[in-house]
PDB file of N, CA and C in Angstrom:
ATOM      1  N   MET A   1       0.847  -1.173   0.000  1.00  0.00           N
ATOM      2  CA  MET A   1       0.000   0.000   0.000  1.00  0.00           C
ATOM      3  C   MET A   1       0.895   1.238   0.000  1.00  0.00           C
ATOM      4  N   GLN A   2       0.564   2.198  -0.836  1.00  0.00           N
ATOM      5  CA  GLN A   2       1.375   3.403  -0.962  1.00  0.00           C
ATOM      6  C   GLN A   2       1.222   4.294   0.268  1.00  0.00           C
ATOM      7  N   GLN A   3       2.349   4.763   0.785  1.00  0.00           N
ATOM      8  CA  GLN A   3       2.342   5.666   1.927  1.00  0.00           C
ATOM      9  C   GLN A   3       2.374   7.105   1.441  1.00  0.00           C
ATOM     10  N   LEU A   4       1.491   7.938   1.973  1.00  0.00           N
ATOM     11  CA  LEU A   4       1.428   9.354   1.618  1.00  0.00           C
ATOM     12  C   LEU A   4       1.486  10.172   2.896  1.00  0.00           C
ATOM     13  N   GLY A   5       2.557  10.869   3.119  1.00  0.00           N
ATOM     14  CA  GLY A   5       2.660  11.724   4.293  1.00  0.00           C
ATOM     15  C   GLY A   5       2.459  10.995   5.609  1.00  0.00           C
ATOM     16  N   GLY A   6       2.865   9.751   5.679  1.00  0.00           N
ATOM     17  CA  GLY A   6       2.736   9.003   6.926  1.00  0.00           C
ATOM     18  C   GLY A   6       1.399   8.293   7.077  1.00  0.00           C
ATOM     19  N   LEU A   7       0.461   8.533   6.173  1.00  0.00           N
ATOM     20  CA  LEU A   7      -0.826   7.855   6.218  1.00  0.00           C
ATOM     21  C   LEU A   7      -0.968   6.995   4.985  1.00  0.00           C
ATOM     22  N   ASP A   8      -1.609   5.858   5.119  1.00  0.00           N
ATOM     23  CA  ASP A   8      -1.791   5.054   3.919  1.00  0.00           C
ATOM     24  C   ASP A   8      -2.864   5.685   3.031  1.00  0.00           C
ATOM     25  N   GLN A   9      -2.858   5.322   1.779  1.00  0.00           N
ATOM     26  CA  GLN A   9      -3.724   5.953   0.799  1.00  0.00           C
ATOM     27  C   GLN A   9      -5.199   5.779   1.162  1.00  0.00           C
ATOM     28  N   ASN A  10      -5.585   4.650   1.713  1.00  0.00           N
ATOM     29  CA  ASN A  10      -6.980   4.460   2.103  1.00  0.00           C
ATOM     30  C   ASN A  10      -7.418   5.463   3.149  1.00  0.00           C
ATOM     31  N   VAL A  11      -6.555   5.782   4.083  1.00  0.00           N
ATOM     32  CA  VAL A  11      -6.888   6.767   5.105  1.00  0.00           C
ATOM     33  C   VAL A  11      -7.033   8.141   4.465  1.00  0.00           C
ATOM     34  N   GLN A  12      -6.142   8.487   3.549  1.00  0.00           N
ATOM     35  CA  GLN A  12      -6.223   9.805   2.943  1.00  0.00           C
ATOM     36  C   GLN A  12      -7.445   9.956   2.044  1.00  0.00           C
ATOM     37  N   ASN A  13      -8.001   8.880   1.532  1.00  0.00           N
ATOM     38  CA  ASN A  13      -9.197   8.954   0.709  1.00  0.00           C
ATOM     39  C   ASN A  13     -10.471   9.025   1.544  1.00  0.00           C
ATOM     40  N   HIS A  14     -10.355   8.979   2.840  1.00  0.00           N
ATOM     41  CA  HIS A  14     -11.492   9.015   3.756  1.00  0.00           C
ATOM     42  C   HIS A  14     -11.511  10.404   4.392  1.00  0.00           C
ATOM     43  N   PHE A  15     -12.517  11.196   4.064  1.00  0.00           N
ATOM     44  CA  PHE A  15     -12.549  12.587   4.507  1.00  0.00           C
ATOM     45  C   PHE A  15     -13.681  12.819   5.490  1.00  0.00           C
ATOM     46  N   HIS A  16     -13.482  13.762   6.377  1.00  0.00           N
ATOM     47  CA  HIS A  16     -14.571  14.252   7.216  1.00  0.00           C
ATOM     48  C   HIS A  16     -14.351  15.733   7.471  1.00  0.00           C
ATOM     49  N   MET A  17     -15.392  16.416   7.856  1.00  0.00           N
ATOM     50  CA  MET A  17     -15.309  17.835   8.146  1.00  0.00           C
ATOM     51  C   MET A  17     -15.781  18.064   9.571  1.00  0.00           C
ATOM     52  N   VAL A  18     -15.172  19.019  10.228  1.00  0.00           N
ATOM     53  CA  VAL A  18     -15.468  19.345  11.607  1.00  0.00           C
ATOM     54  C   VAL A  18     -16.002  20.764  11.656  1.00  0.00           C
ATOM     55  N   MET A  19     -17.085  20.969  12.401  1.00  0.00           N
ATOM     56  CA  MET A  19     -17.631  22.302  12.570  1.00  0.00           C
ATOM     57  C   MET A  19     -17.900  22.536  14.056  1.00  0.00           C
ATOM     58  N   PRO A  20     -17.276  23.583  14.661  1.00  0.00           N
ATOM     59  CA  PRO A  20     -17.540  23.845  16.072  1.00  0.00           C
ATOM     60  C   PRO A  20     -18.937  24.440  16.261  1.00  0.00           C
ATOM     61  N   ILE A  21     -19.638  23.970  17.289  1.00  0.00           N
ATOM     62  CA  ILE A  21     -20.985  24.437  17.567  1.00  0.00           C
ATOM     63  C   ILE A  21     -21.070  24.703  19.061  1.00  0.00           C
ATOM     64  N   ASP A  22     -20.998  25.971  19.460  1.00  0.00           N
ATOM     65  CA  ASP A  22     -21.152  26.318  20.870  1.00  0.00           C
ATOM     66  C   ASP A  22     -20.379  25.386  21.795  1.00  0.00           C
ATOM     67  N   GLN A  23     -19.096  25.321  21.626  1.00  0.00           N
ATOM     68  CA  GLN A  23     -18.217  24.505  22.462  1.00  0.00           C
ATOM     69  C   GLN A  23     -18.294  23.004  22.152  1.00  0.00           C
ATOM     70  N   VAL A  24     -19.148  22.595  21.246  1.00  0.00           N
ATOM     71  CA  VAL A  24     -19.259  21.192  20.853  1.00  0.00           C
ATOM     72  C   VAL A  24     -18.939  21.112  19.374  1.00  0.00           C
ATOM     73  N   THR A  25     -18.202  20.131  18.975  1.00  0.00           N
ATOM     74  CA  THR A  25     -17.841  19.954  17.578  1.00  0.00           C
ATOM     75  C   THR A  25     -18.744  18.892  16.960  1.00  0.00           C
ATOM     76  N   LEU A  26     -19.285  19.211  15.800  1.00  0.00           N
ATOM     77  CA  LEU A  26     -20.087  18.257  15.051  1.00  0.00           C
ATOM     78  C   LEU A  26     -19.255  17.786  13.876  1.00  0.00           C
ATOM     79  N   LEU A  27     -19.196  16.496  13.678  1.00  0.00           N
ATOM     80  CA  LEU A  27     -18.446  15.912  12.576  1.00  0.00           C
ATOM     81  C   LEU A  27     -19.407  15.334  11.547  1.00  0.00           C
ATOM     82  N   LEU A  28     -19.016  15.432  10.292  1.00  0.00           N
ATOM     83  CA  LEU A  28     -19.709  14.724   9.223  1.00  0.00           C
ATOM     84  C   LEU A  28     -18.656  13.875   8.545  1.00  0.00           C
ATOM     85  N   ASP A  29     -18.855  12.589   8.540  1.00  0.00           N
ATOM     86  CA  ASP A  29     -17.894  11.642   7.986  1.00  0.00           C
ATOM     87  C   ASP A  29     -18.533  10.950   6.789  1.00  0.00           C
ATOM     88  N   VAL A  30     -18.047  11.294   5.589  1.00  0.00           N
ATOM     89  CA  VAL A  30     -18.555  10.698   4.357  1.00  0.00           C
ATOM     90  C   VAL A  30     -17.362  10.397   3.460  1.00  0.00           C
ATOM     91  N   THR A  31     -17.093   9.151   3.243  1.00  0.00           N
ATOM     92  CA  THR A  31     -15.974   8.741   2.408  1.00  0.00           C
ATOM     93  C   THR A  31     -16.129   9.308   1.003  1.00  0.00           C
ATOM     94  N   GLY A  32     -15.085   9.993   0.517  1.00  0.00           N
ATOM     95  CA  GLY A  32     -15.057  10.507  -0.842  1.00  0.00           C
ATOM     96  C   GLY A  32     -15.707  11.858  -1.048  1.00  0.00           C
ATOM     97  N   ALA A  33     -16.267  12.458  -0.017  1.00  0.00           N
ATOM     98  CA  ALA A  33     -16.925  13.756  -0.162  1.00  0.00           C
ATOM     99  C   ALA A  33     -15.901  14.874  -0.247  1.00  0.00           C
ATOM    100  N   THR A  34     -16.240  15.912  -0.998  1.00  0.00           N
ATOM    101  CA  THR A  34     -15.392  17.096  -1.080  1.00  0.00           C
ATOM    102  C   THR A  34     -15.694  18.006   0.109  1.00  0.00           C
ATOM    103  N   ALA A  35     -14.835  18.978   0.322  1.00  0.00           N
ATOM    104  CA  ALA A  35     -15.062  19.946   1.395  1.00  0.00           C
ATOM    105  C   ALA A  35     -16.388  20.673   1.191  1.00  0.00           C
ATOM    106  N   GLU A  36     -16.695  21.025  -0.037  1.00  0.00           N
ATOM    107  CA  GLU A  36     -17.953  21.722  -0.334  1.00  0.00           C
ATOM    108  C   GLU A  36     -19.159  20.837  -0.012  1.00  0.00           C
ATOM    109  N   GLU A  37     -19.089  19.577  -0.358  1.00  0.00           N
ATOM    110  CA  GLU A  37     -20.190  18.655  -0.065  1.00  0.00           C
ATOM    111  C   GLU A  37     -20.362  18.476   1.441  1.00  0.00           C
ATOM    112  N   LEU A  38     -19.257  18.374   2.155  1.00  0.00           N
ATOM    113  CA  LEU A  38     -19.328  18.231   3.607  1.00  0.00           C
ATOM    114  C   LEU A  38     -19.907  19.484   4.253  1.00  0.00           C
ATOM    115  N   GLU A  39     -19.507  20.650   3.776  1.00  0.00           N
ATOM    116  CA  GLU A  39     -20.059  21.906   4.300  1.00  0.00           C
ATOM    117  C   GLU A  39     -21.561  21.959   4.080  1.00  0.00           C
ATOM    118  N   ARG A  40     -22.008  21.562   2.892  1.00  0.00           N
ATOM    119  CA  ARG A  40     -23.427  21.548   2.577  1.00  0.00           C
ATOM    120  C   ARG A  40     -24.166  20.592   3.524  1.00  0.00           C
ATOM    121  N   GLY A  41     -23.582  19.442   3.782  1.00  0.00           N
ATOM    122  CA  GLY A  41     -24.197  18.484   4.686  1.00  0.00           C
ATOM    123  C   GLY A  41     -24.280  18.985   6.115  1.00  0.00           C
ATOM    124  N   LEU A  42     -23.199  19.574   6.607  1.00  0.00           N
ATOM    125  CA  LEU A  42     -23.219  20.116   7.975  1.00  0.00           C
ATOM    126  C   LEU A  42     -24.221  21.242   8.102  1.00  0.00           C
ATOM    127  N   ALA A  43     -24.323  22.087   7.085  1.00  0.00           N
ATOM    128  CA  ALA A  43     -25.297  23.184   7.111  1.00  0.00           C
ATOM    129  C   ALA A  43     -26.721  22.626   7.202  1.00  0.00           C
ATOM    130  N   ALA A  44     -26.997  21.550   6.485  1.00  0.00           N
ATOM    131  CA  ALA A  44     -28.321  20.934   6.533  1.00  0.00           C
ATOM    132  C   ALA A  44     -28.614  20.376   7.925  1.00  0.00           C
ATOM    133  N   ALA A  45     -27.635  19.724   8.533  1.00  0.00           N
ATOM    134  CA  ALA A  45     -27.818  19.181   9.887  1.00  0.00           C
ATOM    135  C   ALA A  45     -28.056  20.310  10.887  1.00  0.00           C
ATOM    136  N   LEU A  46     -27.268  21.355  10.787  1.00  0.00           N
ATOM    137  CA  LEU A  46     -27.419  22.479  11.721  1.00  0.00           C
ATOM    138  C   LEU A  46     -28.769  23.163  11.563  1.00  0.00           C
ATOM    139  N   ALA A  47     -29.268  23.224  10.338  1.00  0.00           N
ATOM    140  CA  ALA A  47     -30.584  23.826  10.110  1.00  0.00           C
ATOM    141  C   ALA A  47     -31.672  23.028  10.834  1.00  0.00           C
ATOM    142  N   VAL A  48     -31.543  21.715  10.846  1.00  0.00           N
ATOM    143  CA  VAL A  48     -32.505  20.862  11.565  1.00  0.00           C
ATOM    144  C   VAL A  48     -32.469  21.181  13.056  1.00  0.00           C
ATOM    145  N   PHE A  49     -31.276  21.244  13.624  1.00  0.00           N
ATOM    146  CA  PHE A  49     -31.152  21.560  15.052  1.00  0.00           C
ATOM    147  C   PHE A  49     -31.664  22.964  15.356  1.00  0.00           C
ATOM    148  N   ASP A  50     -31.327  23.927  14.515  1.00  0.00           N
ATOM    149  CA  ASP A  50     -31.764  25.312  14.729  1.00  0.00           C
ATOM    150  C   ASP A  50     -33.284  25.424  14.706  1.00  0.00           C
ATOM    151  N   ARG A  51     -33.924  24.798  13.709  1.00  0.00           N
ATOM    152  CA  ARG A  51     -35.393  24.861  13.613  1.00  0.00           C
ATOM    153  C   ARG A  51     -36.057  24.280  14.848  1.00  0.00           C
ATOM    154  N   ALA A  52     -35.447  23.263  15.428  1.00  0.00           N
ATOM    155  CA  ALA A  52     -36.029  22.604  16.599  1.00  0.00           C
ATOM    156  C   ALA A  52     -35.647  23.286  17.910  1.00  0.00           C
ATOM    157  N   GLY A  53     -34.687  24.188  17.864  1.00  0.00           N
ATOM    158  CA  GLY A  53     -34.248  24.865  19.080  1.00  0.00           C
ATOM    159  C   GLY A  53     -33.450  23.969  20.007  1.00  0.00           C
ATOM    160  N   ALA A  54     -32.747  23.006  19.434  1.00  0.00           N
ATOM    161  CA  ALA A  54     -31.931  22.078  20.229  1.00  0.00           C
ATOM    162  C   ALA A  54     -30.503  22.099  19.699  1.00  0.00           C
ATOM    163  N   THR A  55     -29.583  21.702  20.535  1.00  0.00           N
ATOM    164  CA  THR A  55     -28.187  21.628  20.112  1.00  0.00           C
ATOM    165  C   THR A  55     -27.860  20.193  19.690  1.00  0.00           C
ATOM    166  N   PRO A  56     -26.839  20.034  18.868  1.00  0.00           N
ATOM    167  CA  PRO A  56     -26.406  18.674  18.527  1.00  0.00           C
ATOM    168  C   PRO A  56     -26.068  17.854  19.775  1.00  0.00           C
ATOM    169  N   TYR A  57     -25.464  18.483  20.755  1.00  0.00           N
ATOM    170  CA  TYR A  57     -25.091  17.767  21.977  1.00  0.00           C
ATOM    171  C   TYR A  57     -26.332  17.231  22.694  1.00  0.00           C
ATOM    172  N   GLU A  58     -27.359  18.077  22.850  1.00  0.00           N
ATOM    173  CA  GLU A  58     -28.593  17.638  23.503  1.00  0.00           C
ATOM    174  C   GLU A  58     -29.211  16.441  22.766  1.00  0.00           C
ATOM    175  N   ALA A  59     -29.233  16.539  21.445  1.00  0.00           N
ATOM    176  CA  ALA A  59     -29.822  15.462  20.645  1.00  0.00           C
ATOM    177  C   ALA A  59     -28.997  14.182  20.758  1.00  0.00           C
ATOM    178  N   ALA A  60     -27.676  14.312  20.740  1.00  0.00           N
ATOM    179  CA  ALA A  60     -26.816  13.131  20.844  1.00  0.00           C
ATOM    180  C   ALA A  60     -26.975  12.457  22.203  1.00  0.00           C
ATOM    181  N   VAL A  61     -27.031  13.233  23.265  1.00  0.00           N
ATOM    182  CA  VAL A  61     -27.188  12.664  24.607  1.00  0.00           C
ATOM    183  C   VAL A  61     -28.519  11.919  24.712  1.00  0.00           C
ATOM    184  N   ALA A  62     -29.585  12.526  24.193  1.00  0.00           N
ATOM    185  CA  ALA A  62     -30.896  11.865  24.239  1.00  0.00           C
ATOM    186  C   ALA A  62     -30.890  10.594  23.397  1.00  0.00           C
ATOM    187  N   ARG A  63     -30.236  10.635  22.248  1.00  0.00           N
ATOM    188  CA  ARG A  63     -30.165   9.446  21.384  1.00  0.00           C
ATOM    189  C   ARG A  63     -29.375   8.321  22.075  1.00  0.00           C
ATOM    190  N   PHE A  64     -28.239   8.677  22.680  1.00  0.00           N
ATOM    191  CA  PHE A  64     -27.449   7.663  23.376  1.00  0.00           C
ATOM    192  C   PHE A  64     -28.243   7.067  24.540  1.00  0.00           C
ATOM    193  N   LYS A  65     -28.985   7.907  25.215  1.00  0.00           N
ATOM    194  CA  LYS A  65     -29.818   7.437  26.319  1.00  0.00           C
ATOM    195  C   LYS A  65     -30.896   6.484  25.784  1.00  0.00           C
ATOM    196  N   ARG A  66     -31.512   6.867  24.665  1.00  0.00           N
ATOM    197  CA  ARG A  66     -32.544   6.019  24.056  1.00  0.00           C
ATOM    198  C   ARG A  66     -31.961   4.686  23.592  1.00  0.00           C
ATOM    199  N   ASP A  67     -30.861   4.753  22.867  1.00  0.00           N
ATOM    200  CA  ASP A  67     -30.272   3.539  22.293  1.00  0.00           C
ATOM    201  C   ASP A  67     -29.650   2.642  23.352  1.00  0.00           C
ATOM    202  N   GLY A  68     -29.158   3.239  24.414  1.00  0.00           N
ATOM    203  CA  GLY A  68     -28.549   2.458  25.488  1.00  0.00           C
ATOM    204  C   GLY A  68     -29.551   1.878  26.455  1.00  0.00           C
ATOM    205  N   GLU A  69     -30.779   2.381  26.382  1.00  0.00           N
ATOM    206  CA  GLU A  69     -31.852   1.916  27.252  1.00  0.00           C
ATOM    207  C   GLU A  69     -31.431   1.892  28.718  1.00  0.00           C
ATOM    208  N   ILE A  70     -30.651   2.891  29.113  1.00  0.00           N
ATOM    209  CA  ILE A  70     -30.170   2.976  30.493  1.00  0.00           C
ATOM    210  C   ILE A  70     -31.306   3.398  31.420  1.00  0.00           C
ATOM    211  N   GLU A  71     -32.068   4.353  30.956  1.00  0.00           N
ATOM    212  CA  GLU A  71     -33.205   4.815  31.735  1.00  0.00           C
ATOM    213  C   GLU A  71     -34.304   5.243  30.773  1.00  0.00           C
ATOM    214  N   GLU A  72     -35.503   5.347  31.276  1.00  0.00           N
ATOM    215  CA  GLU A  72     -36.641   5.684  30.424  1.00  0.00           C
ATOM    216  C   GLU A  72     -36.569   7.144  29.986  1.00  0.00           C
ATOM    217  N   LEU A  73     -36.901   7.365  28.732  1.00  0.00           N
ATOM    218  CA  LEU A  73     -36.895   8.718  28.180  1.00  0.00           C
ATOM    219  C   LEU A  73     -38.216   9.423  28.465  1.00  0.00           C
ATOM    220  N   THR A  74     -38.145  10.709  28.708  1.00  0.00           N
ATOM    221  CA  THR A  74     -39.349  11.523  28.755  1.00  0.00           C
ATOM    222  C   THR A  74     -39.782  11.792  27.312  1.00  0.00           C
ATOM    223  N   ASP A  75     -41.000  12.266  27.114  1.00  0.00           N
ATOM    224  CA  ASP A  75     -41.460  12.574  25.751  1.00  0.00           C
ATOM    225  C   ASP A  75     -40.572  13.612  25.067  1.00  0.00           C
ATOM    226  N   PRO A  76     -40.199  14.707  25.755  1.00  0.00           N
ATOM    227  CA  PRO A  76     -39.303  15.671  25.099  1.00  0.00           C
ATOM    228  C   PRO A  76     -37.945  15.065  24.732  1.00  0.00           C
ATOM    229  N   GLU A  77     -37.413  14.204  25.591  1.00  0.00           N
ATOM    230  CA  GLU A  77     -36.138  13.544  25.275  1.00  0.00           C
ATOM    231  C   GLU A  77     -36.282  12.639  24.057  1.00  0.00           C
ATOM    232  N   ALA A  78     -37.402  11.945  23.957  1.00  0.00           N
ATOM    233  CA  ALA A  78     -37.619  11.066  22.807  1.00  0.00           C
ATOM    234  C   ALA A  78     -37.673  11.872  21.518  1.00  0.00           C
ATOM    235  N   GLN A  79     -38.308  13.021  21.550  1.00  0.00           N
ATOM    236  CA  GLN A  79     -38.368  13.876  20.366  1.00  0.00           C
ATOM    237  C   GLN A  79     -36.985  14.398  19.995  1.00  0.00           C
ATOM    238  N   ILE A  80     -36.201  14.774  20.996  1.00  0.00           N
ATOM    239  CA  ILE A  80     -34.853  15.267  20.732  1.00  0.00           C
ATOM    240  C   ILE A  80     -33.971  14.134  20.212  1.00  0.00           C
ATOM    241  N   ALA A  81     -34.155  12.931  20.727  1.00  0.00           N
ATOM    242  CA  ALA A  81     -33.373  11.789  20.233  1.00  0.00           C
ATOM    243  C   ALA A  81     -33.686  11.542  18.766  1.00  0.00           C
ATOM    244  N   ASP A  82     -34.945  11.635  18.399  1.00  0.00           N
ATOM    245  CA  ASP A  82     -35.331  11.478  16.999  1.00  0.00           C
ATOM    246  C   ASP A  82     -34.742  12.588  16.139  1.00  0.00           C
ATOM    247  N   LEU A  83     -34.557  13.757  16.718  1.00  0.00           N
ATOM    248  CA  LEU A  83     -33.993  14.892  15.990  1.00  0.00           C
ATOM    249  C   LEU A  83     -32.581  14.572  15.477  1.00  0.00           C
ATOM    250  N   TRP A  84     -31.800  13.835  16.256  1.00  0.00           N
ATOM    251  CA  TRP A  84     -30.461  13.444  15.816  1.00  0.00           C
ATOM    252  C   TRP A  84     -30.549  12.640  14.524  1.00  0.00           C
ATOM    253  N   ASP A  85     -31.475  11.706  14.481  1.00  0.00           N
ATOM    254  CA  ASP A  85     -31.640  10.867  13.294  1.00  0.00           C
ATOM    255  C   ASP A  85     -32.087  11.698  12.084  1.00  0.00           C
ATOM    256  N   ILE A  86     -32.962  12.657  12.317  1.00  0.00           N
ATOM    257  CA  ILE A  86     -33.448  13.527  11.243  1.00  0.00           C
ATOM    258  C   ILE A  86     -32.298  14.388  10.710  1.00  0.00           C
ATOM    259  N   ALA A  87     -31.493  14.942  11.609  1.00  0.00           N
ATOM    260  CA  ALA A  87     -30.349  15.771  11.201  1.00  0.00           C
ATOM    261  C   ALA A  87     -29.312  14.933  10.457  1.00  0.00           C
ATOM    262  N   ASP A  88     -29.093  13.717  10.903  1.00  0.00           N
ATOM    263  CA  ASP A  88     -28.151  12.816  10.241  1.00  0.00           C
ATOM    264  C   ASP A  88     -28.597  12.563   8.802  1.00  0.00           C
ATOM    265  N   GLU A  89     -29.863  12.254   8.626  1.00  0.00           N
ATOM    266  CA  GLU A  89     -30.381  11.995   7.284  1.00  0.00           C
ATOM    267  C   GLU A  89     -30.294  13.243   6.404  1.00  0.00           C
ATOM    268  N   ALA A  90     -30.611  14.407   6.970  1.00  0.00           N
ATOM    269  CA  ALA A  90     -30.534  15.658   6.204  1.00  0.00           C
ATOM    270  C   ALA A  90     -29.100  15.939   5.765  1.00  0.00           C
ATOM    271  N   ALA A  91     -28.153  15.716   6.653  1.00  0.00           N
ATOM    272  CA  ALA A  91     -26.745  15.954   6.328  1.00  0.00           C
ATOM    273  C   ALA A  91     -26.267  15.040   5.212  1.00  0.00           C
ATOM    274  N   ILE A  92     -26.609  13.783   5.312  1.00  0.00           N
ATOM    275  CA  ILE A  92     -26.148  12.809   4.318  1.00  0.00           C
ATOM    276  C   ILE A  92     -26.799  13.079   2.965  1.00  0.00           C
ATOM    277  N   ARG A  93     -28.089  13.375   2.967  1.00  0.00           N
ATOM    278  CA  ARG A  93     -28.771  13.681   1.695  1.00  0.00           C
ATOM    279  C   ARG A  93     -28.184  14.925   1.035  1.00  0.00           C
ATOM    280  N   ALA A  94     -27.930  15.956   1.824  1.00  0.00           N
ATOM    281  CA  ALA A  94     -27.379  17.194   1.263  1.00  0.00           C
ATOM    282  C   ALA A  94     -25.958  16.981   0.763  1.00  0.00           C
ATOM    283  N   CYS A  95     -25.160  16.266   1.520  1.00  0.00           N
ATOM    284  CA  CYS A  95     -23.769  16.019   1.141  1.00  0.00           C
ATOM    285  C   CYS A  95     -23.688  15.155  -0.112  1.00  0.00           C
ATOM    286  N   CYS A  96     -24.495  14.134  -0.167  1.00  0.00           N
ATOM    287  CA  CYS A  96     -24.384  13.124  -1.224  1.00  0.00           C
ATOM    288  C   CYS A  96     -25.392  13.329  -2.357  1.00  0.00           C
ATOM    289  N   SER A  97     -25.967  14.505  -2.435  1.00  0.00           N
ATOM    290  CA  SER A  97     -26.946  14.792  -3.480  1.00  0.00           C
ATOM    291  C   SER A  97     -26.343  14.531  -4.858  1.00  0.00           C
ATOM    292  N   GLY A  98     -27.043  13.727  -5.644  1.00  0.00           N
ATOM    293  CA  GLY A  98     -26.576  13.405  -6.985  1.00  0.00           C
ATOM    294  C   GLY A  98     -25.618  12.229  -7.064  1.00  0.00           C
ATOM    295  N   TRP A  99     -25.235  11.672  -5.955  1.00  0.00           N
ATOM    296  CA  TRP A  99     -24.333  10.522  -5.957  1.00  0.00           C
ATOM    297  C   TRP A  99     -25.106   9.274  -6.380  1.00  0.00           C
ATOM    298  N   PRO A 100     -24.458   8.352  -7.066  1.00  0.00           N
ATOM    299  CA  PRO A 100     -25.157   7.122  -7.432  1.00  0.00           C
ATOM    300  C   PRO A 100     -25.419   6.214  -6.226  1.00  0.00           C
ATOM    301  N   ALA A 101     -24.597   6.314  -5.201  1.00  0.00           N
ATOM    302  CA  ALA A 101     -24.768   5.514  -3.983  1.00  0.00           C
ATOM    303  C   ALA A 101     -24.177   6.280  -2.804  1.00  0.00           C
ATOM    304  N   ILE A 102     -24.763   6.104  -1.652  1.00  0.00           N
ATOM    305  CA  ILE A 102     -24.288   6.753  -0.429  1.00  0.00           C
ATOM    306  C   ILE A 102     -23.448   5.747   0.342  1.00  0.00           C
ATOM    307  N   PRO A 103     -22.243   6.133   0.774  1.00  0.00           N
ATOM    308  CA  PRO A 103     -21.414   5.216   1.560  1.00  0.00           C
ATOM    309  C   PRO A 103     -22.161   4.748   2.815  1.00  0.00           C
ATOM    310  N   SER A 104     -22.064   3.490   3.106  1.00  0.00           N
ATOM    311  CA  SER A 104     -22.808   2.917   4.236  1.00  0.00           C
ATOM    312  C   SER A 104     -22.358   3.464   5.584  1.00  0.00           C
ATOM    313  N   ASN A 105     -21.152   4.002   5.654  1.00  0.00           N
ATOM    314  CA  ASN A 105     -20.646   4.521   6.929  1.00  0.00           C
ATOM    315  C   ASN A 105     -20.865   6.021   7.082  1.00  0.00           C
ATOM    316  N   ALA A 106     -21.580   6.666   6.166  1.00  0.00           N
ATOM    317  CA  ALA A 106     -21.811   8.108   6.240  1.00  0.00           C
ATOM    318  C   ALA A 106     -22.628   8.434   7.483  1.00  0.00           C
ATOM    319  N   GLN A 107     -22.174   9.465   8.247  1.00  0.00           N
ATOM    320  CA  GLN A 107     -22.868   9.822   9.481  1.00  0.00           C
ATOM    321  C   GLN A 107     -22.374  11.134  10.052  1.00  0.00           C
ATOM    322  N   ILE A 108     -23.253  11.762  10.833  1.00  0.00           N
ATOM    323  CA  ILE A 108     -22.803  12.857  11.691  1.00  0.00           C
ATOM    324  C   ILE A 108     -22.466  12.228  13.026  1.00  0.00           C
ATOM    325  N   MET A 109     -21.588  12.898  13.750  1.00  0.00           N
ATOM    326  CA  MET A 109     -21.215  12.371  15.060  1.00  0.00           C
ATOM    327  C   MET A 109     -20.541  13.456  15.878  1.00  0.00           C
ATOM    328  N   LEU A 110     -20.503  13.218  17.157  1.00  0.00           N
ATOM    329  CA  LEU A 110     -19.726  14.055  18.059  1.00  0.00           C
ATOM    330  C   LEU A 110     -18.373  13.381  18.214  1.00  0.00           C
ATOM    331  N   PRO A 111     -17.307  14.170  18.308  1.00  0.00           N
ATOM    332  CA  PRO A 111     -15.996  13.538  18.461  1.00  0.00           C
ATOM    333  C   PRO A 111     -15.858  12.882  19.826  1.00  0.00           C
ATOM    334  N   ARG A 112     -15.051  11.865  19.864  1.00  0.00           N
ATOM    335  CA  ARG A 112     -14.733  11.223  21.149  1.00  0.00           C
ATOM    336  C   ARG A 112     -13.725  12.089  21.879  1.00  0.00           C
ATOM    337  N   THR A 113     -13.941  12.220  23.160  1.00  0.00           N
ATOM    338  CA  THR A 113     -13.005  13.023  23.942  1.00  0.00           C
ATOM    339  C   THR A 113     -12.185  12.156  24.843  1.00  0.00           C
TER     340      THR A 113
END
C-alpha cells in the first residue's frame, strides 16, 4: 500500500469535516466527499437543530440514552433523540446529493473526547 505523508492511501481517501458548535464539535464523515459537499451536509444538519431549538449535543445525549436503554426517556427527550436521526439523514442527503450511492458509513457524530 502506498504511503502518503505518513498515512496510507486508504486513510487519505477518507474525509470528514469538523464544525464547532457552541463549544461542541459536530463531525460529518462521508468517504469521498469534497469539502464543499461536507459543508453543505453540515449546514443541513445544523438547520434541523436550529429549527427545533436544540443543540447537537442535547440530541446526541438523548439518542445515546434512548439507544442504550439505560433509563426511560421523557417525551421531550424522545423527540430530541429522533432529531439526531433527522439531522443525520438531512446531512447525508445534502452532502451526497446526486451521488449514485451513499457510503454505508456516512454519518454525523460528536468527536470522542
